[in-house]
Each structure stands twice: as C-alpha cells, then as structure tokens.
Amino acid sequence: YKKKYESLAKRRGKKRAIVAIARMILTAIYQILSTGEA
C-alpha cells in the first residue's frame, strides 16, 4: 500500500490518496470475508 499511496499522492494529493487506500483495504476486507481466504 505504501507504493500505491506514493503513486496516487503524486497525481491526486495526500488526502485523496489516503481515502483511496482506505477504499482498497475495505475492498480487500469484502473479498476476504466473502471467500474466507487470507
């Protein structure tokens, strides 16, 4: 997520990049709880 954040922060700014990372984490949570995989 660090490398994804650095890439996003250059284009969209730090605040929007953090929100984007939070959304990525929630999407990962959805997939983990749906599939039961790490």
Full PDB file with SEQRES, HELIX, SHEET, SSBOND, CRYST1, ORIGX, SCALE, CONECT and MASTER records, all heavy atoms in Angstrom:
SEQRES   1 A   38  TYR LYS LYS LYS TYR GLU SER LEU ALA LYS ARG ARG GLY          
SEQRES   2 A   38  LYS LYS ARG ALA ILE VAL ALA ILE ALA ARG MET ILE LEU          
SEQRES   3 A   38  THR ALA ILE TYR GLN ILE LEU SER THR GLY GLU ALA              
HELIX    1 AA1 LYS A    2  ARG A   12  1                                  11    
HELIX    2 AA2 LYS A   14  THR A   35  1                                  22    
CRYST1    1.000    1.000    1.000  90.00  90.00  90.00 P 1           1          
ORIGX1      1.000000  0.000000  0.000000        0.00000                         
ORIGX2      0.000000  1.000000  0.000000        0.00000                         
ORIGX3      0.000000  0.000000  1.000000        0.00000                         
SCALE1      1.000000  0.000000  0.000000        0.00000                         
SCALE2      0.000000  1.000000  0.000000        0.00000                         
SCALE3      0.000000  0.000000  1.000000        0.00000                         
ATOM      1  N   TYR A   1       0.820  -1.211   0.000  1.00  0.00           N  
ATOM      2  CA  TYR A   1       0.000   0.000   0.000  1.00  0.00           C  
ATOM      3  C   TYR A   1       0.858   1.267   0.000  1.00  0.00           C  
ATOM      4  O   TYR A   1       0.417   2.324  -0.460  1.00  0.00           O  
ATOM      5  CB  TYR A   1      -0.936   0.000   1.209  1.00  0.00           C  
ATOM      6  CG  TYR A   1      -2.051  -1.027   1.108  1.00  0.00           C  
ATOM      7  CD1 TYR A   1      -2.149  -2.061   2.017  1.00  0.00           C  
ATOM      8  CD2 TYR A   1      -3.000  -0.951   0.093  1.00  0.00           C  
ATOM      9  CE1 TYR A   1      -3.166  -2.999   1.930  1.00  0.00           C  
ATOM     10  CE2 TYR A   1      -4.021  -1.896  -0.008  1.00  0.00           C  
ATOM     11  CZ  TYR A   1      -4.093  -2.914   0.913  1.00  0.00           C  
ATOM     12  OH  TYR A   1      -5.104  -3.845   0.813  1.00  0.00           O  
ATOM     13  N   LYS A   2       2.052   1.173   0.524  1.00  0.00           N  
ATOM     14  CA  LYS A   2       2.958   2.323   0.535  1.00  0.00           C  
ATOM     15  C   LYS A   2       3.280   2.783  -0.881  1.00  0.00           C  
ATOM     16  O   LYS A   2       3.230   3.976  -1.194  1.00  0.00           O  
ATOM     17  CB  LYS A   2       4.241   1.971   1.288  1.00  0.00           C  
ATOM     18  CG  LYS A   2       5.239   3.112   1.391  1.00  0.00           C  
ATOM     19  CD  LYS A   2       6.481   2.680   2.136  1.00  0.00           C  
ATOM     20  CE  LYS A   2       7.473   3.831   2.238  1.00  0.00           C  
ATOM     21  NZ  LYS A   2       8.716   3.403   2.959  1.00  0.00           N  
ATOM     22  N   LYS A   3       3.615   1.836  -1.754  1.00  0.00           N  
ATOM     23  CA  LYS A   3       3.959   2.181  -3.134  1.00  0.00           C  
ATOM     24  C   LYS A   3       2.740   2.672  -3.909  1.00  0.00           C  
ATOM     25  O   LYS A   3       2.849   3.572  -4.745  1.00  0.00           O  
ATOM     26  CB  LYS A   3       4.597   0.985  -3.811  1.00  0.00           C  
ATOM     27  CG  LYS A   3       5.959   0.614  -3.230  1.00  0.00           C  
ATOM     28  CD  LYS A   3       6.635  -0.501  -3.985  1.00  0.00           C  
ATOM     29  CE  LYS A   3       8.010  -0.795  -3.387  1.00  0.00           C  
ATOM     30  NZ  LYS A   3       8.709  -1.870  -4.116  1.00  0.00           N  
ATOM     31  N   LYS A   4       1.579   2.082  -3.630  1.00  0.00           N  
ATOM     32  CA  LYS A   4       0.358   2.562  -4.269  1.00  0.00           C  
ATOM     33  C   LYS A   4       0.027   3.976  -3.805  1.00  0.00           C  
ATOM     34  O   LYS A   4      -0.424   4.818  -4.587  1.00  0.00           O  
ATOM     35  CB  LYS A   4      -0.795   1.608  -3.969  1.00  0.00           C  
ATOM     36  CG  LYS A   4      -0.769   0.317  -4.775  1.00  0.00           C  
ATOM     37  CD  LYS A   4      -2.009  -0.507  -4.539  1.00  0.00           C  
ATOM     38  CE  LYS A   4      -2.049  -1.726  -5.449  1.00  0.00           C  
ATOM     39  NZ  LYS A   4      -2.246  -1.358  -6.867  1.00  0.00           N  
ATOM     40  N   TYR A   5       0.235   4.240  -2.521  1.00  0.00           N  
ATOM     41  CA  TYR A   5      -0.029   5.578  -1.974  1.00  0.00           C  
ATOM     42  C   TYR A   5       0.890   6.621  -2.604  1.00  0.00           C  
ATOM     43  O   TYR A   5       0.442   7.715  -2.971  1.00  0.00           O  
ATOM     44  CB  TYR A   5       0.158   5.552  -0.455  1.00  0.00           C  
ATOM     45  CG  TYR A   5       0.181   6.920   0.186  1.00  0.00           C  
ATOM     46  CD1 TYR A   5      -0.985   7.634   0.397  1.00  0.00           C  
ATOM     47  CD2 TYR A   5       1.384   7.498   0.579  1.00  0.00           C  
ATOM     48  CE1 TYR A   5      -0.965   8.892   0.981  1.00  0.00           C  
ATOM     49  CE2 TYR A   5       1.422   8.746   1.159  1.00  0.00           C  
ATOM     50  CZ  TYR A   5       0.247   9.439   1.360  1.00  0.00           C  
ATOM     51  OH  TYR A   5       0.284  10.694   1.930  1.00  0.00           O  
ATOM     52  N   GLU A   6       2.167   6.296  -2.721  1.00  0.00           N  
ATOM     53  CA  GLU A   6       3.116   7.238  -3.308  1.00  0.00           C  
ATOM     54  C   GLU A   6       2.759   7.562  -4.754  1.00  0.00           C  
ATOM     55  O   GLU A   6       2.896   8.703  -5.201  1.00  0.00           O  
ATOM     56  CB  GLU A   6       4.532   6.659  -3.216  1.00  0.00           C  
ATOM     57  CG  GLU A   6       5.076   6.592  -1.794  1.00  0.00           C  
ATOM     58  CD  GLU A   6       6.378   5.837  -1.703  1.00  0.00           C  
ATOM     59  OE1 GLU A   6       6.785   5.215  -2.737  1.00  0.00           O  
ATOM     60  OE2 GLU A   6       7.000   5.843  -0.609  1.00  0.00           O  
ATOM     61  N   SER A   7       2.292   6.565  -5.481  1.00  0.00           N  
ATOM     62  CA  SER A   7       1.888   6.789  -6.869  1.00  0.00           C  
ATOM     63  C   SER A   7       0.639   7.666  -6.950  1.00  0.00           C  
ATOM     64  O   SER A   7       0.554   8.568  -7.792  1.00  0.00           O  
ATOM     65  CB  SER A   7       1.634   5.447  -7.548  1.00  0.00           C  
ATOM     66  OG  SER A   7       1.160   5.625  -8.859  1.00  0.00           O  
ATOM     67  N   LEU A   8      -0.327   7.420  -6.062  1.00  0.00           N  
ATOM     68  CA  LEU A   8      -1.568   8.197  -6.060  1.00  0.00           C  
ATOM     69  C   LEU A   8      -1.349   9.616  -5.560  1.00  0.00           C  
ATOM     70  O   LEU A   8      -1.959  10.561  -6.061  1.00  0.00           O  
ATOM     71  CB  LEU A   8      -2.622   7.499  -5.198  1.00  0.00           C  
ATOM     72  CG  LEU A   8      -3.243   6.218  -5.762  1.00  0.00           C  
ATOM     73  CD1 LEU A   8      -4.009   5.483  -4.680  1.00  0.00           C  
ATOM     74  CD2 LEU A   8      -4.170   6.554  -6.923  1.00  0.00           C  
ATOM     75  N   ALA A   9      -0.497   9.771  -4.542  1.00  0.00           N  
ATOM     76  CA  ALA A   9      -0.268  11.091  -3.941  1.00  0.00           C  
ATOM     77  C   ALA A   9       0.336  12.072  -4.940  1.00  0.00           C  
ATOM     78  O   ALA A   9       0.086  13.277  -4.866  1.00  0.00           O  
ATOM     79  CB  ALA A   9       0.623  10.953  -2.714  1.00  0.00           C  
ATOM     80  N   LYS A  10       1.133  11.578  -5.867  1.00  0.00           N  
ATOM     81  CA  LYS A  10       1.734  12.457  -6.876  1.00  0.00           C  
ATOM     82  C   LYS A  10       0.667  13.066  -7.786  1.00  0.00           C  
ATOM     83  O   LYS A  10       0.785  14.208  -8.219  1.00  0.00           O  
ATOM     84  CB  LYS A  10       2.743  11.676  -7.710  1.00  0.00           C  
ATOM     85  CG  LYS A  10       3.994  11.263  -6.952  1.00  0.00           C  
ATOM     86  CD  LYS A  10       4.914  10.438  -7.828  1.00  0.00           C  
ATOM     87  CE  LYS A  10       6.143   9.974  -7.047  1.00  0.00           C  
ATOM     88  NZ  LYS A  10       7.025   9.113  -7.875  1.00  0.00           N  
ATOM     89  N   ARG A  11      -0.357  12.282  -8.084  1.00  0.00           N  
ATOM     90  CA  ARG A  11      -1.378  12.724  -9.034  1.00  0.00           C  
ATOM     91  C   ARG A  11      -2.569  13.393  -8.354  1.00  0.00           C  
ATOM     92  O   ARG A  11      -3.116  14.368  -8.857  1.00  0.00           O  
ATOM     93  CB  ARG A  11      -1.864  11.540  -9.863  1.00  0.00           C  
ATOM     94  CG  ARG A  11      -0.781  10.940 -10.758  1.00  0.00           C  
ATOM     95  CD  ARG A  11      -1.304   9.793 -11.598  1.00  0.00           C  
ATOM     96  NE  ARG A  11      -1.524   8.600 -10.803  1.00  0.00           N  
ATOM     97  CZ  ARG A  11      -2.678   8.085 -10.514  1.00  0.00           C  
ATOM     98  NH1 ARG A  11      -3.780   8.672 -10.960  1.00  0.00           N  
ATOM     99  NH2 ARG A  11      -2.802   6.972  -9.810  1.00  0.00           N  
ATOM    100  N   ARG A  12      -3.001  12.868  -7.177  1.00  0.00           N  
ATOM    101  CA  ARG A  12      -4.259  13.291  -6.570  1.00  0.00           C  
ATOM    102  C   ARG A  12      -4.105  14.017  -5.239  1.00  0.00           C  
ATOM    103  O   ARG A  12      -5.085  14.528  -4.717  1.00  0.00           O  
ATOM    104  CB  ARG A  12      -5.168  12.070  -6.367  1.00  0.00           C  
ATOM    105  CG  ARG A  12      -5.420  11.246  -7.618  1.00  0.00           C  
ATOM    106  CD  ARG A  12      -6.221  12.042  -8.625  1.00  0.00           C  
ATOM    107  NE  ARG A  12      -7.584  12.249  -8.124  1.00  0.00           N  
ATOM    108  CZ  ARG A  12      -8.473  13.049  -8.672  1.00  0.00           C  
ATOM    109  NH1 ARG A  12      -8.138  13.746  -9.733  1.00  0.00           N  
ATOM    110  NH2 ARG A  12      -9.690  13.176  -8.179  1.00  0.00           N  
ATOM    111  N   GLY A  13      -2.926  14.030  -4.676  1.00  0.00           N  
ATOM    112  CA  GLY A  13      -2.725  14.656  -3.377  1.00  0.00           C  
ATOM    113  C   GLY A  13      -2.781  13.623  -2.254  1.00  0.00           C  
ATOM    114  O   GLY A  13      -3.298  12.519  -2.417  1.00  0.00           O  
ATOM    115  N   LYS A  14      -2.260  13.980  -1.099  1.00  0.00           N  
ATOM    116  CA  LYS A  14      -2.121  13.048   0.013  1.00  0.00           C  
ATOM    117  C   LYS A  14      -3.466  12.634   0.613  1.00  0.00           C  
ATOM    118  O   LYS A  14      -3.679  11.465   0.927  1.00  0.00           O  
ATOM    119  CB  LYS A  14      -1.228  13.654   1.099  1.00  0.00           C  
ATOM    120  CG  LYS A  14       0.218  13.838   0.667  1.00  0.00           C  
ATOM    121  CD  LYS A  14       1.063  14.389   1.792  1.00  0.00           C  
ATOM    122  CE  LYS A  14       2.519  14.538   1.351  1.00  0.00           C  
ATOM    123  NZ  LYS A  14       3.372  15.069   2.457  1.00  0.00           N  
ATOM    124  N   LYS A  15      -4.385  13.582   0.786  1.00  0.00           N  
ATOM    125  CA  LYS A  15      -5.670  13.271   1.420  1.00  0.00           C  
ATOM    126  C   LYS A  15      -6.497  12.314   0.573  1.00  0.00           C  
ATOM    127  O   LYS A  15      -7.056  11.332   1.074  1.00  0.00           O  
ATOM    128  CB  LYS A  15      -6.452  14.561   1.694  1.00  0.00           C  
ATOM    129  CG  LYS A  15      -5.844  15.423   2.785  1.00  0.00           C  
ATOM    130  CD  LYS A  15      -6.712  16.630   3.080  1.00  0.00           C  
ATOM    131  CE  LYS A  15      -6.115  17.457   4.210  1.00  0.00           C  
ATOM    132  NZ  LYS A  15      -6.976  18.656   4.512  1.00  0.00           N  
ATOM    133  N   ARG A  16      -6.588  12.603  -0.719  1.00  0.00           N  
ATOM    134  CA  ARG A  16      -7.340  11.722  -1.608  1.00  0.00           C  
ATOM    135  C   ARG A  16      -6.664  10.360  -1.730  1.00  0.00           C  
ATOM    136  O   ARG A  16      -7.352   9.335  -1.866  1.00  0.00           O  
ATOM    137  CB  ARG A  16      -7.491  12.366  -2.980  1.00  0.00           C  
ATOM    138  CG  ARG A  16      -8.456  13.561  -2.987  1.00  0.00           C  
ATOM    139  CD  ARG A  16      -8.544  14.181  -4.347  1.00  0.00           C  
ATOM    140  NE  ARG A  16      -9.516  15.282  -4.374  1.00  0.00           N  
ATOM    141  CZ  ARG A  16      -9.715  16.073  -5.396  1.00  0.00           C  
ATOM    142  NH1 ARG A  16      -9.005  15.897  -6.503  1.00  0.00           N  
ATOM    143  NH2 ARG A  16     -10.614  17.053  -5.334  1.00  0.00           N  
ATOM    144  N   ALA A  17      -5.355  10.355  -1.678  1.00  0.00           N  
ATOM    145  CA  ALA A  17      -4.619   9.093  -1.758  1.00  0.00           C  
ATOM    146  C   ALA A  17      -4.916   8.213  -0.543  1.00  0.00           C  
ATOM    147  O   ALA A  17      -5.080   6.996  -0.681  1.00  0.00           O  
ATOM    148  CB  ALA A  17      -3.122   9.372  -1.874  1.00  0.00           C  
ATOM    149  N   ILE A  18      -4.985   8.814   0.638  1.00  0.00           N  
ATOM    150  CA  ILE A  18      -5.292   8.052   1.852  1.00  0.00           C  
ATOM    151  C   ILE A  18      -6.700   7.468   1.782  1.00  0.00           C  
ATOM    152  O   ILE A  18      -6.940   6.305   2.156  1.00  0.00           O  
ATOM    153  CB  ILE A  18      -5.125   8.938   3.103  1.00  0.00           C  
ATOM    154  CG1 ILE A  18      -3.650   9.045   3.466  1.00  0.00           C  
ATOM    155  CG2 ILE A  18      -5.902   8.396   4.292  1.00  0.00           C  
ATOM    156  CD1 ILE A  18      -3.032   7.757   3.958  1.00  0.00           C  
ATOM    157  N   VAL A  19      -7.660   8.264   1.307  1.00  0.00           N  
ATOM    158  CA  VAL A  19      -9.029   7.773   1.153  1.00  0.00           C  
ATOM    159  C   VAL A  19      -9.068   6.620   0.151  1.00  0.00           C  
ATOM    160  O   VAL A  19      -9.783   5.628   0.348  1.00  0.00           O  
ATOM    161  CB  VAL A  19      -9.971   8.919   0.726  1.00  0.00           C  
ATOM    162  CG1 VAL A  19     -11.356   8.380   0.389  1.00  0.00           C  
ATOM    163  CG2 VAL A  19     -10.081   9.966   1.826  1.00  0.00           C  
ATOM    164  N   ALA A  20      -8.284   6.740  -0.928  1.00  0.00           N  
ATOM    165  CA  ALA A  20      -8.219   5.671  -1.927  1.00  0.00           C  
ATOM    166  C   ALA A  20      -7.644   4.391  -1.323  1.00  0.00           C  
ATOM    167  O   ALA A  20      -8.130   3.287  -1.601  1.00  0.00           O  
ATOM    168  CB  ALA A  20      -7.390   6.121  -3.121  1.00  0.00           C  
ATOM    169  N   ILE A  21      -6.625   4.519  -0.485  1.00  0.00           N  
ATOM    170  CA  ILE A  21      -6.036   3.354   0.182  1.00  0.00           C  
ATOM    171  C   ILE A  21      -7.048   2.727   1.148  1.00  0.00           C  
ATOM    172  O   ILE A  21      -7.158   1.500   1.244  1.00  0.00           O  
ATOM    173  CB  ILE A  21      -4.745   3.735   0.924  1.00  0.00           C  
ATOM    174  CG1 ILE A  21      -3.682   4.237  -0.066  1.00  0.00           C  
ATOM    175  CG2 ILE A  21      -4.212   2.550   1.722  1.00  0.00           C  
ATOM    176  CD1 ILE A  21      -3.241   3.224  -1.078  1.00  0.00           C  
ATOM    177  N   ALA A  22      -7.800   3.568   1.864  1.00  0.00           N  
ATOM    178  CA  ALA A  22      -8.841   3.066   2.771  1.00  0.00           C  
ATOM    179  C   ALA A  22      -9.890   2.271   2.000  1.00  0.00           C  
ATOM    180  O   ALA A  22     -10.366   1.228   2.470  1.00  0.00           O  
ATOM    181  CB  ALA A  22      -9.488   4.230   3.522  1.00  0.00           C  
ATOM    182  N   ARG A  23     -10.245   2.757   0.813  1.00  0.00           N  
ATOM    183  CA  ARG A  23     -11.204   2.028  -0.015  1.00  0.00           C  
ATOM    184  C   ARG A  23     -10.615   0.701  -0.493  1.00  0.00           C  
ATOM    185  O   ARG A  23     -11.320  -0.321  -0.536  1.00  0.00           O  
ATOM    186  CB  ARG A  23     -11.630   2.882  -1.201  1.00  0.00           C  
ATOM    187  CG  ARG A  23     -12.637   2.194  -2.116  1.00  0.00           C  
ATOM    188  CD  ARG A  23     -13.172   3.101  -3.187  1.00  0.00           C  
ATOM    189  NE  ARG A  23     -14.079   2.381  -4.074  1.00  0.00           N  
ATOM    190  CZ  ARG A  23     -14.755   2.920  -5.060  1.00  0.00           C  
ATOM    191  NH1 ARG A  23     -14.649   4.225  -5.282  1.00  0.00           N  
ATOM    192  NH2 ARG A  23     -15.573   2.185  -5.817  1.00  0.00           N  
ATOM    193  N   MET A  24      -9.338   0.696  -0.859  1.00  0.00           N  
ATOM    194  CA  MET A  24      -8.677  -0.558  -1.258  1.00  0.00           C  
ATOM    195  C   MET A  24      -8.707  -1.575  -0.128  1.00  0.00           C  
ATOM    196  O   MET A  24      -8.958  -2.762  -0.339  1.00  0.00           O  
ATOM    197  CB  MET A  24      -7.234  -0.291  -1.669  1.00  0.00           C  
ATOM    198  CG  MET A  24      -7.077   0.486  -2.961  1.00  0.00           C  
ATOM    199  SD  MET A  24      -5.323   0.758  -3.331  1.00  0.00           S  
ATOM    200  CE  MET A  24      -5.446   1.952  -4.663  1.00  0.00           C  
ATOM    201  N   ILE A  25      -8.451  -1.111   1.092  1.00  0.00           N  
ATOM    202  CA  ILE A  25      -8.462  -2.003   2.252  1.00  0.00           C  
ATOM    203  C   ILE A  25      -9.866  -2.572   2.479  1.00  0.00           C  
ATOM    204  O   ILE A  25     -10.024  -3.766   2.749  1.00  0.00           O  
ATOM    205  CB  ILE A  25      -7.960  -1.259   3.509  1.00  0.00           C  
ATOM    206  CG1 ILE A  25      -6.467  -0.950   3.363  1.00  0.00           C  
ATOM    207  CG2 ILE A  25      -8.207  -2.075   4.768  1.00  0.00           C  
ATOM    208  CD1 ILE A  25      -5.900  -0.086   4.473  1.00  0.00           C  
ATOM    209  N   LEU A  26     -10.898  -1.733   2.364  1.00  0.00           N  
ATOM    210  CA  LEU A  26     -12.273  -2.204   2.546  1.00  0.00           C  
ATOM    211  C   LEU A  26     -12.663  -3.196   1.448  1.00  0.00           C  
ATOM    212  O   LEU A  26     -13.371  -4.176   1.715  1.00  0.00           O  
ATOM    213  CB  LEU A  26     -13.239  -1.010   2.565  1.00  0.00           C  
ATOM    214  CG  LEU A  26     -14.700  -1.345   2.896  1.00  0.00           C  
ATOM    215  CD1 LEU A  26     -14.817  -2.066   4.231  1.00  0.00           C  
ATOM    216  CD2 LEU A  26     -15.555  -0.087   2.904  1.00  0.00           C  
ATOM    217  N   THR A  27     -12.215  -2.957   0.222  1.00  0.00           N  
ATOM    218  CA  THR A  27     -12.464  -3.905  -0.861  1.00  0.00           C  
ATOM    219  C   THR A  27     -11.803  -5.251  -0.574  1.00  0.00           C  
ATOM    220  O   THR A  27     -12.381  -6.314  -0.806  1.00  0.00           O  
ATOM    221  CB  THR A  27     -11.954  -3.336  -2.199  1.00  0.00           C  
ATOM    222  OG1 THR A  27     -12.590  -2.073  -2.456  1.00  0.00           O  
ATOM    223  CG2 THR A  27     -12.255  -4.285  -3.347  1.00  0.00           C  
ATOM    224  N   ALA A  28     -10.581  -5.190  -0.049  1.00  0.00           N  
ATOM    225  CA  ALA A  28      -9.886  -6.421   0.342  1.00  0.00           C  
ATOM    226  C   ALA A  28     -10.626  -7.138   1.466  1.00  0.00           C  
ATOM    227  O   ALA A  28     -10.729  -8.371   1.463  1.00  0.00           O  
ATOM    228  CB  ALA A  28      -8.452  -6.094   0.767  1.00  0.00           C  
ATOM    229  N   ILE A  29     -11.170  -6.382   2.413  1.00  0.00           N  
ATOM    230  CA  ILE A  29     -11.942  -6.965   3.511  1.00  0.00           C  
ATOM    231  C   ILE A  29     -13.181  -7.675   2.972  1.00  0.00           C  
ATOM    232  O   ILE A  29     -13.521  -8.776   3.416  1.00  0.00           O  
ATOM    233  CB  ILE A  29     -12.334  -5.869   4.530  1.00  0.00           C  
ATOM    234  CG1 ILE A  29     -11.084  -5.379   5.272  1.00  0.00           C  
ATOM    235  CG2 ILE A  29     -13.378  -6.373   5.515  1.00  0.00           C  
ATOM    236  CD1 ILE A  29     -11.315  -4.146   6.110  1.00  0.00           C  
ATOM    237  N   TYR A  30     -13.852  -7.055   2.016  1.00  0.00           N  
ATOM    238  CA  TYR A  30     -15.033  -7.670   1.406  1.00  0.00           C  
ATOM    239  C   TYR A  30     -14.679  -9.016   0.762  1.00  0.00           C  
ATOM    240  O   TYR A  30     -15.390 -10.013   0.944  1.00  0.00           O  
ATOM    241  CB  TYR A  30     -15.623  -6.713   0.367  1.00  0.00           C  
ATOM    242  CG  TYR A  30     -16.815  -7.273  -0.386  1.00  0.00           C  
ATOM    243  CD1 TYR A  30     -18.107  -7.151   0.129  1.00  0.00           C  
ATOM    244  CD2 TYR A  30     -16.652  -7.926  -1.607  1.00  0.00           C  
ATOM    245  CE1 TYR A  30     -19.187  -7.660  -0.550  1.00  0.00           C  
ATOM    246  CE2 TYR A  30     -17.742  -8.438  -2.296  1.00  0.00           C  
ATOM    247  CZ  TYR A  30     -19.006  -8.302  -1.763  1.00  0.00           C  
ATOM    248  OH  TYR A  30     -20.087  -8.822  -2.445  1.00  0.00           O  
ATOM    249  N   GLN A  31     -13.566  -9.044   0.016  1.00  0.00           N  
ATOM    250  CA  GLN A  31     -13.156 -10.276  -0.654  1.00  0.00           C  
ATOM    251  C   GLN A  31     -12.738 -11.345   0.356  1.00  0.00           C  
ATOM    252  O   GLN A  31     -13.049 -12.535   0.184  1.00  0.00           O  
ATOM    253  CB  GLN A  31     -12.002  -9.989  -1.627  1.00  0.00           C  
ATOM    254  CG  GLN A  31     -12.365  -9.052  -2.773  1.00  0.00           C  
ATOM    255  CD  GLN A  31     -13.433  -9.623  -3.686  1.00  0.00           C  
ATOM    256  OE1 GLN A  31     -13.581 -10.835  -3.823  1.00  0.00           O  
ATOM    257  NE2 GLN A  31     -14.184  -8.745  -4.336  1.00  0.00           N  
ATOM    258  N   ILE A  32     -12.044 -10.943   1.411  1.00  0.00           N  
ATOM    259  CA  ILE A  32     -11.595 -11.893   2.432  1.00  0.00           C  
ATOM    260  C   ILE A  32     -12.786 -12.530   3.142  1.00  0.00           C  
ATOM    261  O   ILE A  32     -12.843 -13.746   3.317  1.00  0.00           O  
ATOM    262  CB  ILE A  32     -10.670 -11.189   3.440  1.00  0.00           C  
ATOM    263  CG1 ILE A  32      -9.323 -10.883   2.790  1.00  0.00           C  
ATOM    264  CG2 ILE A  32     -10.469 -12.038   4.690  1.00  0.00           C  
ATOM    265  CD1 ILE A  32      -8.419 -10.018   3.634  1.00  0.00           C  
ATOM    266  N   LEU A  33     -13.758 -11.709   3.554  1.00  0.00           N  
ATOM    267  CA  LEU A  33     -14.927 -12.233   4.267  1.00  0.00           C  
ATOM    268  C   LEU A  33     -15.857 -13.010   3.340  1.00  0.00           C  
ATOM    269  O   LEU A  33     -16.607 -13.875   3.803  1.00  0.00           O  
ATOM    270  CB  LEU A  33     -15.685 -11.085   4.935  1.00  0.00           C  
ATOM    271  CG  LEU A  33     -14.932 -10.336   6.048  1.00  0.00           C  
ATOM    272  CD1 LEU A  33     -15.785  -9.201   6.593  1.00  0.00           C  
ATOM    273  CD2 LEU A  33     -14.540 -11.284   7.170  1.00  0.00           C  
ATOM    274  N   SER A  34     -15.814 -12.707   2.047  1.00  0.00           N  
ATOM    275  CA  SER A  34     -16.660 -13.426   1.085  1.00  0.00           C  
ATOM    276  C   SER A  34     -16.085 -14.793   0.740  1.00  0.00           C  
ATOM    277  O   SER A  34     -16.817 -15.772   0.609  1.00  0.00           O  
ATOM    278  CB  SER A  34     -16.842 -12.597  -0.188  1.00  0.00           C  
ATOM    279  OG  SER A  34     -17.481 -11.365   0.085  1.00  0.00           O  
ATOM    280  N   THR A  35     -14.759 -14.867   0.574  1.00  0.00           N  
ATOM    281  CA  THR A  35     -14.105 -16.098   0.131  1.00  0.00           C  
ATOM    282  C   THR A  35     -13.503 -16.916   1.265  1.00  0.00           C  
ATOM    283  O   THR A  35     -13.249 -18.111   1.090  1.00  0.00           O  
ATOM    284  CB  THR A  35     -13.012 -15.769  -0.890  1.00  0.00           C  
ATOM    285  OG1 THR A  35     -12.020 -14.914  -0.267  1.00  0.00           O  
ATOM    286  CG2 THR A  35     -13.598 -15.043  -2.100  1.00  0.00           C  
ATOM    287  N   GLY A  36     -13.244 -16.280   2.414  1.00  0.00           N  
ATOM    288  CA  GLY A  36     -12.597 -16.990   3.510  1.00  0.00           C  
ATOM    289  C   GLY A  36     -11.124 -17.242   3.281  1.00  0.00           C  
ATOM    290  O   GLY A  36     -10.541 -18.169   3.841  1.00  0.00           O  
ATOM    291  N   GLU A  37     -10.479 -16.409   2.460  1.00  0.00           N  
ATOM    292  CA  GLU A  37      -9.065 -16.530   2.162  1.00  0.00           C  
ATOM    293  C   GLU A  37      -8.290 -15.365   2.766  1.00  0.00           C  
ATOM    294  O   GLU A  37      -8.840 -14.278   2.945  1.00  0.00           O  
ATOM    295  CB  GLU A  37      -8.826 -16.585   0.654  1.00  0.00           C  
ATOM    296  CG  GLU A  37      -9.492 -17.762  -0.042  1.00  0.00           C  
ATOM    297  CD  GLU A  37      -9.301 -17.725  -1.548  1.00  0.00           C  
ATOM    298  OE1 GLU A  37      -8.661 -16.751  -2.024  1.00  0.00           O  
ATOM    299  OE2 GLU A  37      -9.780 -18.648  -2.239  1.00  0.00           O  
ATOM    300  N   ALA A  38      -7.033 -15.600   3.062  1.00  0.00           N  
ATOM    301  CA  ALA A  38      -6.185 -14.547   3.608  1.00  0.00           C  
ATOM    302  C   ALA A  38      -5.864 -13.510   2.537  1.00  0.00           C  
ATOM    303  O   ALA A  38      -6.063 -13.729   1.336  1.00  0.00           O  
ATOM    304  CB  ALA A  38      -4.904 -15.151   4.176  1.00  0.00           C  
TER     305      ALA A  38                                                      
MASTER        0    0    0    2    0    0    0    6  304    1    0    3          
END                                                                             
